Amino acid sequence: MTIRVLLADDQPLVRSGLRVLIDGTPDLDTVGEAATGTEAVALTKDVRPDVVVMDIRMPGMDGIEATRLITADAGAPRVLILTTFDEDDYVYGALRAGASGFAVKDMALDDILSAIRVVAAGDTLIAPGVTRRLIADFLDRPAPGPKRPPRLVKGITEREREVLTLVGLGRSNSEIAAELVITAATAKSHVARLLSKLSARDRVQLVIIAYETGLVAPPR
């Protein structure tokens, strides 16, 4: 199945380069381009992409606010932040806004394509160098509204609790399968059930739940 991609970046050359890269890949297709956050929000509703590749710094509405608005809708597309800047505050802002991935523009082109696929599949991708330390620190920062209460982990099985812990530790499905001596397909099924039971959008939210409920302790 072809992954439909919307590009949001205020630099025409960047959008053009990404479009050539994406449209030259059999399983990806560019369905629209936006030069501002406001355009990205409006165009997302019109073309309904699977993934929005979003820059952060754009005139008017920035990419983080645009991500927040896009992911607030039911059935929202995944958002992959692709930026020149990998400062911690941008990562925190992107995660809080609902982004499913955070990549930087100096990554290899094949890695950018892989990042789009990973995010489209419902998984999480954080660029090399932006580590689990950031997620742990992010959880210690004040956020608007009440923190997710521990009671939300009730109703899952002991095996699902083990899987949630490993997701919180950053393990992939194959790594979870190896550690728990189960098949990769079974690990994927457990993750899918956790997403449903905990009303989590993607693995980023599962990681956050694992930290907030104490299943995984922030590194010190």
Protein backbone atom coordinates (compact mmCIF):
# COMPACT_ATOMS: atom_id res chain seq x y z
CA MET A 1 0.00 0.00 0.00
CA THR A 2 1.30 3.45 -0.91
CA ILE A 3 1.97 5.84 1.99
CA ARG A 4 0.50 9.28 1.31
CA VAL A 5 2.80 12.08 2.49
CA LEU A 6 2.18 15.80 3.04
CA LEU A 7 5.27 18.03 3.17
CA ALA A 8 5.26 21.13 5.39
CA ASP A 9 8.36 23.33 5.17
CA ASP A 10 8.81 27.02 4.46
CA GLN A 11 11.82 26.41 2.18
CA PRO A 12 10.75 25.58 -1.40
CA LEU A 13 14.06 23.88 -2.18
CA VAL A 14 13.65 21.54 0.80
CA ARG A 15 10.10 20.66 -0.23
CA SER A 16 11.20 20.12 -3.82
CA GLY A 17 14.08 17.88 -2.81
CA LEU A 18 11.90 15.81 -0.50
CA ARG A 19 9.21 15.52 -3.14
CA VAL A 20 11.67 14.17 -5.70
CA LEU A 21 13.01 11.73 -3.12
CA ILE A 22 9.56 10.54 -2.03
CA ASP A 23 7.97 10.35 -5.46
CA GLY A 24 10.93 8.31 -6.69
CA THR A 25 10.16 5.67 -4.07
CA PRO A 26 7.56 3.04 -5.08
CA ASP A 27 5.73 2.82 -1.73
CA LEU A 28 5.58 6.58 -1.04
CA ASP A 29 3.67 9.40 -2.71
CA THR A 30 3.58 13.15 -2.07
CA VAL A 31 -0.04 14.38 -1.93
CA GLY A 32 0.54 18.01 -1.01
CA GLU A 33 2.93 20.76 0.06
CA ALA A 34 2.52 23.51 2.67
CA ALA A 35 4.78 26.47 3.37
CA THR A 36 3.33 27.37 6.79
CA GLY A 37 1.79 25.65 9.77
CA THR A 38 -1.59 27.15 8.95
CA GLU A 39 -1.43 25.75 5.41
CA ALA A 40 -0.41 22.35 6.77
CA VAL A 41 -3.44 22.17 9.06
CA ALA A 42 -5.86 23.17 6.30
CA LEU A 43 -4.28 20.92 3.66
CA THR A 44 -4.27 17.93 5.99
CA LYS A 45 -8.06 18.13 6.18
CA ASP A 46 -8.30 18.35 2.39
CA VAL A 47 -5.92 15.61 1.25
CA ARG A 48 -5.95 13.33 4.34
CA PRO A 49 -2.34 12.08 4.20
CA ASP A 50 -1.00 9.12 6.16
CA VAL A 51 2.06 11.06 7.32
CA VAL A 52 2.80 14.77 7.60
CA VAL A 53 6.52 15.57 7.39
CA MET A 54 6.65 18.77 9.42
CA ASP A 55 9.32 21.43 9.84
CA ILE A 56 9.36 23.32 13.15
CA ARG A 57 10.35 26.87 12.26
CA MET A 58 7.86 28.33 9.81
CA PRO A 59 6.31 31.80 9.53
CA GLY A 60 3.14 32.39 11.51
CA MET A 61 2.05 29.13 13.10
CA ASP A 62 5.08 26.93 13.79
CA GLY A 63 5.29 23.20 13.23
CA ILE A 64 4.70 22.27 16.85
CA GLU A 65 1.39 24.15 17.07
CA ALA A 66 0.38 22.77 13.68
CA THR A 67 1.17 19.26 14.93
CA ARG A 68 -0.96 19.83 18.01
CA LEU A 69 -3.94 20.86 15.89
CA ILE A 70 -3.50 18.08 13.34
CA THR A 71 -3.19 15.27 15.89
CA ALA A 72 -6.18 16.51 17.91
CA ASP A 73 -8.63 15.23 15.30
CA ALA A 74 -9.98 11.68 15.31
CA GLY A 75 -8.22 9.49 12.77
CA ALA A 76 -5.40 12.03 12.48
CA PRO A 77 -2.35 11.27 10.36
CA ARG A 78 1.02 10.59 11.94
CA VAL A 79 3.39 13.51 12.14
CA LEU A 80 7.14 13.20 11.59
CA ILE A 81 9.04 16.29 12.68
CA LEU A 82 11.93 16.88 10.26
CA THR A 83 14.06 19.83 11.26
CA THR A 84 17.53 21.31 11.26
CA PHE A 85 17.32 21.80 15.02
CA ASP A 86 17.54 18.95 17.54
CA GLU A 87 17.57 21.03 20.74
CA ASP A 88 15.84 19.40 23.70
CA ASP A 89 13.01 21.94 23.87
CA TYR A 90 11.98 21.14 20.31
CA VAL A 91 11.87 17.43 21.10
CA TYR A 92 9.75 18.03 24.21
CA GLY A 93 7.43 20.31 22.28
CA ALA A 94 7.06 17.82 19.45
CA LEU A 95 6.26 14.93 21.81
CA ARG A 96 3.77 16.96 23.78
CA ALA A 97 2.12 18.11 20.55
CA GLY A 98 1.55 14.51 19.46
CA ALA A 99 4.35 13.87 16.96
CA SER A 100 5.20 10.23 16.36
CA GLY A 101 8.76 10.88 15.22
CA PHE A 102 11.56 13.41 15.37
CA ALA A 103 14.24 13.43 12.69
CA VAL A 104 16.88 15.90 11.57
CA LYS A 105 17.56 17.03 8.02
CA ASP A 106 21.19 15.91 7.99
CA MET A 107 20.15 12.26 8.28
CA ALA A 108 20.90 10.03 5.30
CA LEU A 109 18.17 10.18 2.66
CA ASP A 110 17.38 6.49 3.05
CA ASP A 111 16.99 7.04 6.78
CA ILE A 112 14.45 9.80 6.17
CA LEU A 113 12.44 7.45 3.93
CA SER A 114 12.67 4.75 6.60
CA ALA A 115 11.49 7.23 9.22
CA ILE A 116 8.37 7.96 7.17
CA ARG A 117 7.62 4.24 6.90
CA VAL A 118 8.21 3.65 10.62
CA VAL A 119 5.88 6.46 11.63
CA ALA A 120 3.23 5.39 9.09
CA ALA A 121 3.27 1.91 10.61
CA GLY A 122 2.36 3.36 14.00
CA ASP A 123 5.79 3.05 15.52
CA THR A 124 8.01 5.75 17.00
CA LEU A 125 11.25 7.13 15.66
CA ILE A 126 13.60 9.52 17.40
CA ALA A 127 16.75 10.55 15.57
CA PRO A 128 20.12 9.19 16.68
CA GLY A 129 21.57 11.43 19.34
CA VAL A 130 18.10 12.27 20.72
CA THR A 131 17.98 9.57 23.35
CA ARG A 132 15.65 8.06 25.91
CA ARG A 133 17.16 10.54 28.38
CA LEU A 134 15.09 13.24 26.71
CA ILE A 135 11.84 11.35 27.20
CA ALA A 136 12.67 10.76 30.85
CA ASP A 137 13.51 14.42 31.38
CA PHE A 138 10.42 15.42 29.40
CA LEU A 139 8.26 13.51 31.88
CA ASP A 140 9.71 15.50 34.77
CA ARG A 141 8.65 18.78 33.19
CA PRO A 142 5.28 20.31 34.07
CA ALA A 143 2.61 19.76 31.47
CA PRO A 144 -0.83 21.31 31.14
CA GLY A 145 -3.63 19.30 32.70
CA PRO A 146 -3.46 16.38 35.13
CA LYS A 147 -0.82 13.71 34.80
CA ARG A 148 -1.97 10.33 33.49
CA PRO A 149 -2.93 8.42 36.67
CA PRO A 150 -1.45 4.99 37.43
CA ARG A 151 -4.91 3.41 37.43
CA LEU A 152 -4.81 3.45 33.62
CA VAL A 153 -2.48 0.45 33.64
CA LYS A 154 -5.18 -1.63 35.33
CA GLY A 155 -6.97 -4.03 33.06
CA ILE A 156 -3.86 -5.28 31.28
CA THR A 157 -2.44 -8.76 31.70
CA GLU A 158 0.86 -9.51 33.38
CA ARG A 159 2.36 -10.31 29.99
CA GLU A 160 1.11 -6.98 28.62
CA ARG A 161 2.66 -5.27 31.63
CA GLU A 162 5.99 -6.90 30.76
CA VAL A 163 5.65 -5.76 27.15
CA LEU A 164 4.76 -2.20 28.25
CA THR A 165 7.87 -2.12 30.44
CA LEU A 166 10.06 -3.18 27.53
CA VAL A 167 8.43 -0.62 25.22
CA GLY A 168 9.26 1.96 27.87
CA LEU A 169 12.86 0.82 27.76
CA GLY A 170 12.93 1.50 24.03
CA ARG A 171 12.84 -2.10 22.83
CA SER A 172 11.61 -2.92 19.33
CA ASN A 173 9.07 -5.68 18.69
CA SER A 174 11.83 -8.09 17.68
CA GLU A 175 13.83 -7.28 20.83
CA ILE A 176 10.71 -7.76 22.97
CA ALA A 177 10.11 -11.11 21.27
CA ALA A 178 13.66 -12.28 21.96
CA GLU A 179 13.59 -11.18 25.60
CA LEU A 180 10.22 -12.76 26.37
CA VAL A 181 10.82 -15.82 24.16
CA ILE A 182 7.75 -15.20 21.99
CA THR A 183 7.33 -14.60 18.27
CA ALA A 184 7.64 -11.12 16.75
CA ALA A 185 4.01 -11.39 15.62
CA THR A 186 2.92 -12.10 19.20
CA ALA A 187 4.92 -9.13 20.47
CA LYS A 188 3.29 -6.92 17.85
CA SER A 189 -0.15 -8.18 18.93
CA HIS A 190 0.59 -7.36 22.58
CA VAL A 191 1.66 -3.83 21.60
CA ALA A 192 -1.50 -3.39 19.53
CA ARG A 193 -3.66 -4.46 22.48
CA LEU A 194 -1.83 -2.05 24.78
CA LEU A 195 -2.44 0.79 22.34
CA SER A 196 -6.14 -0.03 22.37
CA LYS A 197 -6.55 -0.67 26.11
CA LEU A 198 -4.60 2.42 27.16
CA SER A 199 -6.08 4.67 24.45
CA ALA A 200 -2.54 5.47 23.29
CA ARG A 201 -1.99 6.93 19.83
CA ASP A 202 1.40 5.30 19.29
CA ARG A 203 4.51 3.95 20.99
CA VAL A 204 5.58 7.40 22.16
CA GLN A 205 2.52 7.49 24.41
CA LEU A 206 3.18 3.95 25.61
CA VAL A 207 6.71 5.01 26.61
CA ILE A 208 5.28 7.98 28.49
CA ILE A 209 2.74 5.76 30.29
CA ALA A 210 5.51 3.34 31.28
CA TYR A 211 7.45 6.20 32.89
CA GLU A 212 4.48 7.96 34.46
CA THR A 213 3.21 4.78 36.11
CA GLY A 214 6.60 3.78 37.46
CA LEU A 215 7.13 0.68 35.32
CA VAL A 216 10.34 2.30 34.06
CA ALA A 217 12.49 4.61 36.15
CA PRO A 218 14.10 7.67 34.53
CA PRO A 219 17.89 7.27 34.24
CA ARG A 220 19.87 9.43 36.64
